[in-house]
Amino acid sequence: MFRSVRLSVLLASFISAAILSTLCSNSLAGSFKTRLPLPNRDSLPVYVFLPDQGVKHPVPGVVVGVGVGGQKILQYHDYCQCLANRNFVVVLMDPANYPEVLIPGPFSWDKGIGYMIGSVNQGVVAARLFCDIDWYMESIKAGVDYLCCSPIVDPYRIAISGFSQPANAALTYACRDPRIKAVVWNYGGEPWVMPYDPLKLPPVQIFHGDRDEVYSVKYARELALNLQSHMRCYEVNIYPGQKHMFNIYYDIRRETRYNKPVLLEAFERLVSFLCRTLARPCR
């Protein structure tokens, strides 16, 4: 039974990857939404972002994991498309697979009742993670499988970029899956740090603001010290005066990403890290 479910998951991923290849061969770019099958017969909604110049040969892939409902936040879409335009295929997901109907919209998540609903959602997922994390790992694996099945993605050059809670999960998952060649850890920390073995980690890039109001910057420093003491490859970027989501957030009602120099600078550091660790020239 388990084997048949696995085969169906792989078959569905292969079909999706074939469709993706057809789109790219026709020189289409941009993003689209799809659903990835999960072993429990559920499915995970994700957004796939393609380079605006098309794909002529296999390129690296990046799974971007965001907090509960984060796949609706337009700033993450901007981040993913900008990353894709540097010649990556990017999958944006909320590994919690939280019901989309319960998630605030892209213009209401950061204030008022939308912020309150989002906080409740985070608490629900945190309670579930306290009991078990394997279901969360399966969501990330679905995204990795999807990229590895795509003929336009190099399966030997896959990275994970996790934000907030998914940053913690990215470390845990990377220890379990040797296909992951790089991890980008964006402001994770207690109380829901997941277990990881630093000796099994690929290169890790750390981003954190020292005024983070959600996860203290001390967790970034502790991670860096842990990686250093185990002689692992890592980079740490701690930004003075910056809060949670500093390398993603701008007010889409009044700004663009180009109004935030710190956001642009952090993004270039990200691209440089991925180019070096995934062994491809930067654009």
C-alpha atoms as a PDB file:
ATOM      1  CA  MET A   1       0.000   0.000   0.000  1.00  0.00           C
ATOM      2  CA  PHE A   2       2.760   2.417   1.016  1.00  0.00           C
ATOM      3  CA  ARG A   3       4.722   1.583  -2.120  1.00  0.00           C
ATOM      4  CA  SER A   4       1.720   2.200  -4.384  1.00  0.00           C
ATOM      5  CA  VAL A   5       1.130   5.605  -2.783  1.00  0.00           C
ATOM      6  CA  ARG A   6       4.790   6.472  -3.318  1.00  0.00           C
ATOM      7  CA  LEU A   7       4.599   5.453  -6.957  1.00  0.00           C
ATOM      8  CA  SER A   8       1.514   7.591  -7.499  1.00  0.00           C
ATOM      9  CA  VAL A   9       3.269  10.555  -5.879  1.00  0.00           C
ATOM     10  CA  LEU A  10       6.290  10.165  -8.147  1.00  0.00           C
ATOM     11  CA  LEU A  11       4.083   9.699 -11.220  1.00  0.00           C
ATOM     12  CA  ALA A  12       2.107  12.862 -10.488  1.00  0.00           C
ATOM     13  CA  SER A  13       5.341  14.789  -9.898  1.00  0.00           C
ATOM     14  CA  PHE A  14       6.731  13.522 -13.192  1.00  0.00           C
ATOM     15  CA  ILE A  15       3.606  14.597 -15.084  1.00  0.00           C
ATOM     16  CA  SER A  16       3.768  18.055 -13.504  1.00  0.00           C
ATOM     17  CA  ALA A  17       7.446  18.293 -14.374  1.00  0.00           C
ATOM     18  CA  ALA A  18       6.723  17.331 -17.973  1.00  0.00           C
ATOM     19  CA  ILE A  19       4.130  20.095 -18.219  1.00  0.00           C
ATOM     20  CA  LEU A  20       6.660  22.515 -16.744  1.00  0.00           C
ATOM     21  CA  SER A  21       9.229  21.447 -19.328  1.00  0.00           C
ATOM     22  CA  THR A  22       6.731  22.053 -22.147  1.00  0.00           C
ATOM     23  CA  LEU A  23       5.981  25.526 -20.851  1.00  0.00           C
ATOM     24  CA  CYS A  24       9.659  26.408 -20.737  1.00  0.00           C
ATOM     25  CA  SER A  25      10.383  24.957 -24.160  1.00  0.00           C
ATOM     26  CA  ASN A  26       7.796  27.382 -25.480  1.00  0.00           C
ATOM     27  CA  SER A  27       9.798  30.214 -23.864  1.00  0.00           C
ATOM     28  CA  LEU A  28       7.052  31.086 -21.379  1.00  0.00           C
ATOM     29  CA  ALA A  29       8.114  32.531 -18.053  1.00  0.00           C
ATOM     30  CA  GLY A  30       6.626  33.921 -14.876  1.00  0.00           C
ATOM     31  CA  SER A  31       4.758  31.876 -12.273  1.00  0.00           C
ATOM     32  CA  PHE A  32       1.894  29.437 -11.977  1.00  0.00           C
ATOM     33  CA  LYS A  33       0.091  27.602  -9.215  1.00  0.00           C
ATOM     34  CA  THR A  34      -0.110  23.838  -8.964  1.00  0.00           C
ATOM     35  CA  ARG A  35      -0.718  21.150  -6.364  1.00  0.00           C
ATOM     36  CA  LEU A  36       1.751  18.495  -5.290  1.00  0.00           C
ATOM     37  CA  PRO A  37       0.510  15.099  -4.076  1.00  0.00           C
ATOM     38  CA  LEU A  38       1.333  14.025  -0.522  1.00  0.00           C
ATOM     39  CA  PRO A  39       1.606  10.455   0.817  1.00  0.00           C
ATOM     40  CA  ASN A  40      -1.576  10.832   2.893  1.00  0.00           C
ATOM     41  CA  ARG A  41      -3.569  11.390  -0.342  1.00  0.00           C
ATOM     42  CA  ASP A  42      -3.817  15.094   0.410  1.00  0.00           C
ATOM     43  CA  SER A  43      -2.197  17.684  -1.858  1.00  0.00           C
ATOM     44  CA  LEU A  44      -0.067  20.762  -1.256  1.00  0.00           C
ATOM     45  CA  PRO A  45      -0.673  24.042  -3.130  1.00  0.00           C
ATOM     46  CA  VAL A  46       2.548  25.648  -4.348  1.00  0.00           C
ATOM     47  CA  TYR A  47       3.622  28.387  -6.722  1.00  0.00           C
ATOM     48  CA  VAL A  48       6.327  27.704  -9.289  1.00  0.00           C
ATOM     49  CA  PHE A  49       8.477  30.572 -10.586  1.00  0.00           C
ATOM     50  CA  LEU A  50      10.451  30.389 -13.828  1.00  0.00           C
ATOM     51  CA  PRO A  51      13.251  32.594 -15.176  1.00  0.00           C
ATOM     52  CA  ASP A  52      11.933  35.461 -17.278  1.00  0.00           C
ATOM     53  CA  GLN A  53      14.474  34.627 -20.000  1.00  0.00           C
ATOM     54  CA  GLY A  54      13.292  31.013 -20.249  1.00  0.00           C
ATOM     55  CA  VAL A  55      15.330  27.876 -19.576  1.00  0.00           C
ATOM     56  CA  LYS A  56      17.698  26.445 -22.190  1.00  0.00           C
ATOM     57  CA  HIS A  57      19.455  23.870 -19.999  1.00  0.00           C
ATOM     58  CA  PRO A  58      18.960  22.388 -16.514  1.00  0.00           C
ATOM     59  CA  VAL A  59      19.292  25.028 -13.797  1.00  0.00           C
ATOM     60  CA  PRO A  60      19.418  24.877  -9.976  1.00  0.00           C
ATOM     61  CA  GLY A  61      16.191  24.622  -8.016  1.00  0.00           C
ATOM     62  CA  VAL A  62      15.197  26.309  -4.755  1.00  0.00           C
ATOM     63  CA  VAL A  63      12.390  25.352  -2.376  1.00  0.00           C
ATOM     64  CA  VAL A  64      11.199  28.434  -0.466  1.00  0.00           C
ATOM     65  CA  GLY A  65       9.349  27.517   2.719  1.00  0.00           C
ATOM     66  CA  VAL A  66       7.304  30.244   4.414  1.00  0.00           C
ATOM     67  CA  GLY A  67       5.238  30.509   7.585  1.00  0.00           C
ATOM     68  CA  VAL A  68       1.554  29.682   7.904  1.00  0.00           C
ATOM     69  CA  GLY A  69      -0.295  31.292   5.006  1.00  0.00           C
ATOM     70  CA  GLY A  70       2.834  32.956   3.681  1.00  0.00           C
ATOM     71  CA  GLN A  71       2.217  31.729   0.151  1.00  0.00           C
ATOM     72  CA  LYS A  72      -0.471  34.432  -0.099  1.00  0.00           C
ATOM     73  CA  ILE A  73       1.932  37.249   0.777  1.00  0.00           C
ATOM     74  CA  LEU A  74       2.809  39.133  -2.402  1.00  0.00           C
ATOM     75  CA  GLN A  75       6.236  40.145  -1.128  1.00  0.00           C
ATOM     76  CA  TYR A  76       7.245  36.475  -1.129  1.00  0.00           C
ATOM     77  CA  HIS A  77       6.083  36.189  -4.727  1.00  0.00           C
ATOM     78  CA  ASP A  78       8.276  39.152  -5.602  1.00  0.00           C
ATOM     79  CA  TYR A  79      11.231  37.533  -3.836  1.00  0.00           C
ATOM     80  CA  CYS A  80      10.707  34.220  -5.648  1.00  0.00           C
ATOM     81  CA  GLN A  81      10.333  35.781  -9.089  1.00  0.00           C
ATOM     82  CA  CYS A  82      13.445  37.902  -8.601  1.00  0.00           C
ATOM     83  CA  LEU A  83      15.334  34.764  -7.563  1.00  0.00           C
ATOM     84  CA  ALA A  84      13.978  32.838 -10.541  1.00  0.00           C
ATOM     85  CA  ASN A  85      15.149  35.618 -12.832  1.00  0.00           C
ATOM     86  CA  ARG A  86      18.689  34.888 -11.676  1.00  0.00           C
ATOM     87  CA  ASN A  87      18.327  31.534 -13.434  1.00  0.00           C
ATOM     88  CA  PHE A  88      16.715  29.309 -10.820  1.00  0.00           C
ATOM     89  CA  VAL A  89      13.449  27.377 -10.748  1.00  0.00           C
ATOM     90  CA  VAL A  90      11.738  28.264  -7.475  1.00  0.00           C
ATOM     91  CA  VAL A  91       8.920  26.499  -5.603  1.00  0.00           C
ATOM     92  CA  LEU A  92       7.091  28.606  -2.981  1.00  0.00           C
ATOM     93  CA  MET A  93       5.215  26.648  -0.304  1.00  0.00           C
ATOM     94  CA  ASP A  94       3.716  26.753   3.163  1.00  0.00           C
ATOM     95  CA  PRO A  95       4.843  23.359   4.540  1.00  0.00           C
ATOM     96  CA  ALA A  96       2.043  23.514   7.116  1.00  0.00           C
ATOM     97  CA  ASN A  97      -0.468  23.144   4.261  1.00  0.00           C
ATOM     98  CA  TYR A  98      -2.883  25.283   6.259  1.00  0.00           C
ATOM     99  CA  PRO A  99      -6.403  25.627   4.753  1.00  0.00           C
ATOM    100  CA  GLU A 100      -6.248  28.583   2.397  1.00  0.00           C
ATOM    101  CA  VAL A 101      -9.770  29.720   3.279  1.00  0.00           C
ATOM    102  CA  LEU A 102      -8.573  30.415   6.841  1.00  0.00           C
ATOM    103  CA  ILE A 103      -5.630  32.572   5.772  1.00  0.00           C
ATOM    104  CA  PRO A 104      -5.819  36.395   5.631  1.00  0.00           C
ATOM    105  CA  GLY A 105      -5.463  38.002   2.213  1.00  0.00           C
ATOM    106  CA  PRO A 106      -2.321  39.654   0.802  1.00  0.00           C
ATOM    107  CA  PHE A 107      -3.391  43.138   1.923  1.00  0.00           C
ATOM    108  CA  SER A 108      -4.678  42.254   5.402  1.00  0.00           C
ATOM    109  CA  TRP A 109      -2.208  39.767   6.884  1.00  0.00           C
ATOM    110  CA  ASP A 110       0.038  42.368   8.562  1.00  0.00           C
ATOM    111  CA  LYS A 111      -2.511  44.480  10.462  1.00  0.00           C
ATOM    112  CA  GLY A 112      -5.745  44.429  12.466  1.00  0.00           C
ATOM    113  CA  ILE A 113      -7.942  41.361  12.442  1.00  0.00           C
ATOM    114  CA  GLY A 114      -5.882  39.761   9.681  1.00  0.00           C
ATOM    115  CA  TYR A 115      -2.816  39.849  11.917  1.00  0.00           C
ATOM    116  CA  MET A 116      -4.824  38.373  14.797  1.00  0.00           C
ATOM    117  CA  ILE A 117      -6.103  35.516  12.630  1.00  0.00           C
ATOM    118  CA  GLY A 118      -2.586  34.843  11.401  1.00  0.00           C
ATOM    119  CA  SER A 119      -1.306  34.645  14.978  1.00  0.00           C
ATOM    120  CA  VAL A 120      -3.973  32.083  15.868  1.00  0.00           C
ATOM    121  CA  ASN A 121      -3.059  30.060  12.784  1.00  0.00           C
ATOM    122  CA  GLN A 122       0.597  30.074  13.822  1.00  0.00           C
ATOM    123  CA  GLY A 123      -0.355  28.780  17.255  1.00  0.00           C
ATOM    124  CA  VAL A 124      -2.385  25.911  15.805  1.00  0.00           C
ATOM    125  CA  VAL A 125       0.507  24.768  13.630  1.00  0.00           C
ATOM    126  CA  ALA A 126       3.025  25.171  16.457  1.00  0.00           C
ATOM    127  CA  ALA A 127       0.905  22.875  18.655  1.00  0.00           C
ATOM    128  CA  ARG A 128       0.813  20.254  15.925  1.00  0.00           C
ATOM    129  CA  LEU A 129       4.577  20.491  15.411  1.00  0.00           C
ATOM    130  CA  PHE A 130       5.074  19.980  19.126  1.00  0.00           C
ATOM    131  CA  CYS A 131       3.522  16.516  18.728  1.00  0.00           C
ATOM    132  CA  ASP A 132       5.044  15.449  15.406  1.00  0.00           C
ATOM    133  CA  ILE A 133       7.205  16.953  12.622  1.00  0.00           C
ATOM    134  CA  ASP A 134       7.195  14.171  10.027  1.00  0.00           C
ATOM    135  CA  TRP A 135       4.104  15.539   8.248  1.00  0.00           C
ATOM    136  CA  TYR A 136       5.912  18.874   7.870  1.00  0.00           C
ATOM    137  CA  MET A 137       8.980  17.129   6.420  1.00  0.00           C
ATOM    138  CA  GLU A 138       6.768  15.350   3.880  1.00  0.00           C
ATOM    139  CA  SER A 139       5.577  18.706   2.535  1.00  0.00           C
ATOM    140  CA  ILE A 140       9.139  19.868   1.984  1.00  0.00           C
ATOM    141  CA  LYS A 141      10.007  16.551   0.370  1.00  0.00           C
ATOM    142  CA  ALA A 142       7.140  16.969  -2.091  1.00  0.00           C
ATOM    143  CA  GLY A 143       8.686  20.235  -3.268  1.00  0.00           C
ATOM    144  CA  VAL A 144      12.158  18.709  -3.557  1.00  0.00           C
ATOM    145  CA  ASP A 145      10.779  15.697  -5.456  1.00  0.00           C
ATOM    146  CA  TYR A 146       8.943  18.025  -7.822  1.00  0.00           C
ATOM    147  CA  LEU A 147      12.127  19.907  -8.677  1.00  0.00           C
ATOM    148  CA  CYS A 148      14.219  16.751  -9.011  1.00  0.00           C
ATOM    149  CA  CYS A 149      11.670  15.231 -11.417  1.00  0.00           C
ATOM    150  CA  SER A 150      11.761  18.269 -13.682  1.00  0.00           C
ATOM    151  CA  PRO A 151      13.970  17.926 -16.779  1.00  0.00           C
ATOM    152  CA  ILE A 152      14.760  21.649 -16.607  1.00  0.00           C
ATOM    153  CA  VAL A 153      16.171  21.412 -13.052  1.00  0.00           C
ATOM    154  CA  ASP A 154      19.564  19.969 -12.163  1.00  0.00           C
ATOM    155  CA  PRO A 155      18.730  17.455  -9.376  1.00  0.00           C
ATOM    156  CA  TYR A 156      22.265  17.784  -8.007  1.00  0.00           C
ATOM    157  CA  ARG A 157      21.833  21.506  -7.328  1.00  0.00           C
ATOM    158  CA  ILE A 158      18.887  21.922  -4.962  1.00  0.00           C
ATOM    159  CA  ALA A 159      18.673  24.416  -2.077  1.00  0.00           C
ATOM    160  CA  ILE A 160      16.127  25.293   0.620  1.00  0.00           C
ATOM    161  CA  SER A 161      15.388  28.828   1.774  1.00  0.00           C
ATOM    162  CA  GLY A 162      13.266  28.812   4.929  1.00  0.00           C
ATOM    163  CA  PHE A 163      11.679  31.817   6.616  1.00  0.00           C
ATOM    164  CA  SER A 164      10.844  31.910  10.342  1.00  0.00           C
ATOM    165  CA  GLN A 165       9.505  28.484  11.442  1.00  0.00           C
ATOM    166  CA  PRO A 166      10.372  26.822   8.089  1.00  0.00           C
ATOM    167  CA  ALA A 167      13.975  27.981   8.606  1.00  0.00           C
ATOM    168  CA  ASN A 168      14.191  25.569  11.533  1.00  0.00           C
ATOM    169  CA  ALA A 169      12.601  22.824   9.444  1.00  0.00           C
ATOM    170  CA  ALA A 170      15.065  23.457   6.611  1.00  0.00           C
ATOM    171  CA  LEU A 171      17.971  22.461   8.860  1.00  0.00           C
ATOM    172  CA  THR A 172      16.211  19.264   9.938  1.00  0.00           C
ATOM    173  CA  TYR A 173      15.207  18.336   6.407  1.00  0.00           C
ATOM    174  CA  ALA A 174      18.660  18.997   4.940  1.00  0.00           C
ATOM    175  CA  CYS A 175      20.119  16.469   7.403  1.00  0.00           C
ATOM    176  CA  ARG A 176      17.733  13.830   6.061  1.00  0.00           C
ATOM    177  CA  ASP A 177      18.038  14.426   2.327  1.00  0.00           C
ATOM    178  CA  PRO A 178      21.482  14.446   0.650  1.00  0.00           C
ATOM    179  CA  ARG A 179      19.958  16.113  -2.421  1.00  0.00           C
ATOM    180  CA  ILE A 180      19.993  19.421  -0.526  1.00  0.00           C
ATOM    181  CA  LYS A 181      23.237  21.230  -1.304  1.00  0.00           C
ATOM    182  CA  ALA A 182      22.595  24.529   0.484  1.00  0.00           C
ATOM    183  CA  VAL A 183      20.340  25.973   3.198  1.00  0.00           C
ATOM    184  CA  VAL A 184      19.302  29.602   3.651  1.00  0.00           C
ATOM    185  CA  TRP A 185      18.169  30.149   7.246  1.00  0.00           C
ATOM    186  CA  ASN A 186      16.094  33.302   7.627  1.00  0.00           C
ATOM    187  CA  TYR A 187      15.429  34.361  11.235  1.00  0.00           C
ATOM    188  CA  GLY A 188      14.383  31.084  12.849  1.00  0.00           C
ATOM    189  CA  GLY A 189      14.681  30.137  16.522  1.00  0.00           C
ATOM    190  CA  GLU A 190      12.886  29.050  19.679  1.00  0.00           C
ATOM    191  CA  PRO A 191      10.420  27.844  20.779  1.00  0.00           C
ATOM    192  CA  TRP A 192      10.045  25.444  17.853  1.00  0.00           C
ATOM    193  CA  VAL A 193      13.624  24.581  16.956  1.00  0.00           C
ATOM    194  CA  MET A 194      13.674  21.162  15.329  1.00  0.00           C
ATOM    195  CA  PRO A 195      16.514  18.675  15.868  1.00  0.00           C
ATOM    196  CA  TYR A 196      19.387  18.717  13.400  1.00  0.00           C
ATOM    197  CA  ASP A 197      22.876  17.242  13.118  1.00  0.00           C
ATOM    198  CA  PRO A 198      25.402  19.923  12.097  1.00  0.00           C
ATOM    199  CA  LEU A 199      27.749  17.257  10.738  1.00  0.00           C
ATOM    200  CA  LYS A 200      25.141  16.348   8.103  1.00  0.00           C
ATOM    201  CA  LEU A 201      24.421  19.898   6.949  1.00  0.00           C
ATOM    202  CA  PRO A 202      25.457  21.385   3.603  1.00  0.00           C
ATOM    203  CA  PRO A 203      26.636  25.037   3.528  1.00  0.00           C
ATOM    204  CA  VAL A 204      24.281  27.304   5.497  1.00  0.00           C
ATOM    205  CA  GLN A 205      23.617  31.013   5.053  1.00  0.00           C
ATOM    206  CA  ILE A 206      22.122  32.862   8.031  1.00  0.00           C
ATOM    207  CA  PHE A 207      20.063  36.066   7.907  1.00  0.00           C
ATOM    208  CA  HIS A 208      18.754  37.810  11.019  1.00  0.00           C
ATOM    209  CA  GLY A 209      17.990  41.304  12.256  1.00  0.00           C
ATOM    210  CA  ASP A 210      19.217  42.254  15.717  1.00  0.00           C
ATOM    211  CA  ARG A 211      15.849  43.881  16.531  1.00  0.00           C
ATOM    212  CA  ASP A 212      13.774  40.838  15.539  1.00  0.00           C
ATOM    213  CA  GLU A 213      10.608  40.907  17.637  1.00  0.00           C
ATOM    214  CA  VAL A 214       9.587  37.284  16.880  1.00  0.00           C
ATOM    215  CA  TYR A 215      12.782  35.226  17.199  1.00  0.00           C
ATOM    216  CA  SER A 216      15.710  36.695  19.123  1.00  0.00           C
ATOM    217  CA  VAL A 217      18.932  37.240  17.203  1.00  0.00           C
ATOM    218  CA  LYS A 218      20.686  35.099  19.803  1.00  0.00           C
ATOM    219  CA  TYR A 219      19.452  32.016  17.944  1.00  0.00           C
ATOM    220  CA  ALA A 220      21.270  33.086  14.788  1.00  0.00           C
ATOM    221  CA  ARG A 221      24.454  33.547  16.796  1.00  0.00           C
ATOM    222  CA  GLU A 222      23.993  30.161  18.471  1.00  0.00           C
ATOM    223  CA  LEU A 223      23.514  28.472  15.093  1.00  0.00           C
ATOM    224  CA  ALA A 224      26.630  30.147  13.712  1.00  0.00           C
ATOM    225  CA  LEU A 225      28.649  29.070  16.759  1.00  0.00           C
ATOM    226  CA  ASN A 226      27.361  25.508  16.448  1.00  0.00           C
ATOM    227  CA  LEU A 227      28.311  25.338  12.774  1.00  0.00           C
ATOM    228  CA  GLN A 228      31.711  26.852  13.478  1.00  0.00           C
ATOM    229  CA  SER A 229      32.458  24.438  16.317  1.00  0.00           C
ATOM    230  CA  HIS A 230      31.666  21.526  13.995  1.00  0.00           C
ATOM    231  CA  MET A 231      33.793  23.056  11.207  1.00  0.00           C
ATOM    232  CA  ARG A 232      30.868  23.405   8.813  1.00  0.00           C
ATOM    233  CA  CYS A 233      30.670  25.857   5.937  1.00  0.00           C
ATOM    234  CA  TYR A 234      28.433  28.816   6.785  1.00  0.00           C
ATOM    235  CA  GLU A 235      27.901  32.557   6.365  1.00  0.00           C
ATOM    236  CA  VAL A 236      26.199  34.764   8.942  1.00  0.00           C
ATOM    237  CA  ASN A 237      24.547  38.076   8.104  1.00  0.00           C
ATOM    238  CA  ILE A 238      23.175  39.989  11.095  1.00  0.00           C
ATOM    239  CA  TYR A 239      21.673  43.365  10.245  1.00  0.00           C
ATOM    240  CA  PRO A 240      21.630  46.139  12.882  1.00  0.00           C
ATOM    241  CA  GLY A 241      18.242  47.677  13.603  1.00  0.00           C
ATOM    242  CA  GLN A 242      16.290  45.214  11.443  1.00  0.00           C
ATOM    243  CA  LYS A 243      13.168  43.323  12.499  1.00  0.00           C
ATOM    244  CA  HIS A 244      11.448  40.103  11.411  1.00  0.00           C
ATOM    245  CA  MET A 245      11.029  39.733   7.625  1.00  0.00           C
ATOM    246  CA  PHE A 246      13.453  42.610   6.974  1.00  0.00           C
ATOM    247  CA  ASN A 247      14.791  40.992   3.785  1.00  0.00           C
ATOM    248  CA  ILE A 248      11.292  40.455   2.369  1.00  0.00           C
ATOM    249  CA  TYR A 249       8.947  43.087   3.686  1.00  0.00           C
ATOM    250  CA  TYR A 250       7.997  46.412   2.157  1.00  0.00           C
ATOM    251  CA  ASP A 251       4.634  48.182   2.177  1.00  0.00           C
ATOM    252  CA  ILE A 252       3.120  47.188  -1.160  1.00  0.00           C
ATOM    253  CA  ARG A 253       0.571  49.995  -0.815  1.00  0.00           C
ATOM    254  CA  ARG A 254       3.278  52.675  -0.972  1.00  0.00           C
ATOM    255  CA  GLU A 255       6.632  51.080  -1.839  1.00  0.00           C
ATOM    256  CA  THR A 256       8.504  48.683  -4.084  1.00  0.00           C
ATOM    257  CA  ARG A 257      11.449  46.502  -3.118  1.00  0.00           C
ATOM    258  CA  TYR A 258      13.729  49.179  -4.585  1.00  0.00           C
ATOM    259  CA  ASN A 259      12.791  51.520  -1.733  1.00  0.00           C
ATOM    260  CA  LYS A 260      14.495  49.177   0.748  1.00  0.00           C
ATOM    261  CA  PRO A 261      18.314  49.187   0.335  1.00  0.00           C
ATOM    262  CA  VAL A 262      18.765  46.589   3.084  1.00  0.00           C
ATOM    263  CA  LEU A 263      16.398  44.231   1.261  1.00  0.00           C
ATOM    264  CA  LEU A 264      18.324  44.630  -1.995  1.00  0.00           C
ATOM    265  CA  GLU A 265      21.685  44.156  -0.313  1.00  0.00           C
ATOM    266  CA  ALA A 266      20.566  40.983   1.478  1.00  0.00           C
ATOM    267  CA  PHE A 267      19.156  39.609  -1.769  1.00  0.00           C
ATOM    268  CA  GLU A 268      22.481  40.026  -3.560  1.00  0.00           C
ATOM    269  CA  ARG A 269      24.224  38.208  -0.721  1.00  0.00           C
ATOM    270  CA  LEU A 270      21.697  35.410  -1.101  1.00  0.00           C
ATOM    271  CA  VAL A 271      22.284  35.078  -4.841  1.00  0.00           C
ATOM    272  CA  SER A 272      26.054  35.150  -4.403  1.00  0.00           C
ATOM    273  CA  PHE A 273      25.868  32.387  -1.790  1.00  0.00           C
ATOM    274  CA  LEU A 274      23.660  30.170  -3.961  1.00  0.00           C
ATOM    275  CA  CYS A 275      25.871  30.694  -7.007  1.00  0.00           C
ATOM    276  CA  ARG A 276      28.952  29.645  -5.074  1.00  0.00           C
ATOM    277  CA  THR A 277      27.473  26.691  -3.190  1.00  0.00           C
ATOM    278  CA  LEU A 278      25.556  25.366  -6.179  1.00  0.00           C
ATOM    279  CA  ALA A 279      28.590  25.885  -8.434  1.00  0.00           C
ATOM    280  CA  ARG A 280      27.099  28.068 -11.145  1.00  0.00           C
ATOM    281  CA  PRO A 281      28.122  31.477 -12.474  1.00  0.00           C
ATOM    282  CA  CYS A 282      26.180  34.501 -11.200  1.00  0.00           C
ATOM    283  CA  ARG A 283      24.134  36.615 -13.589  1.00  0.00           C
END
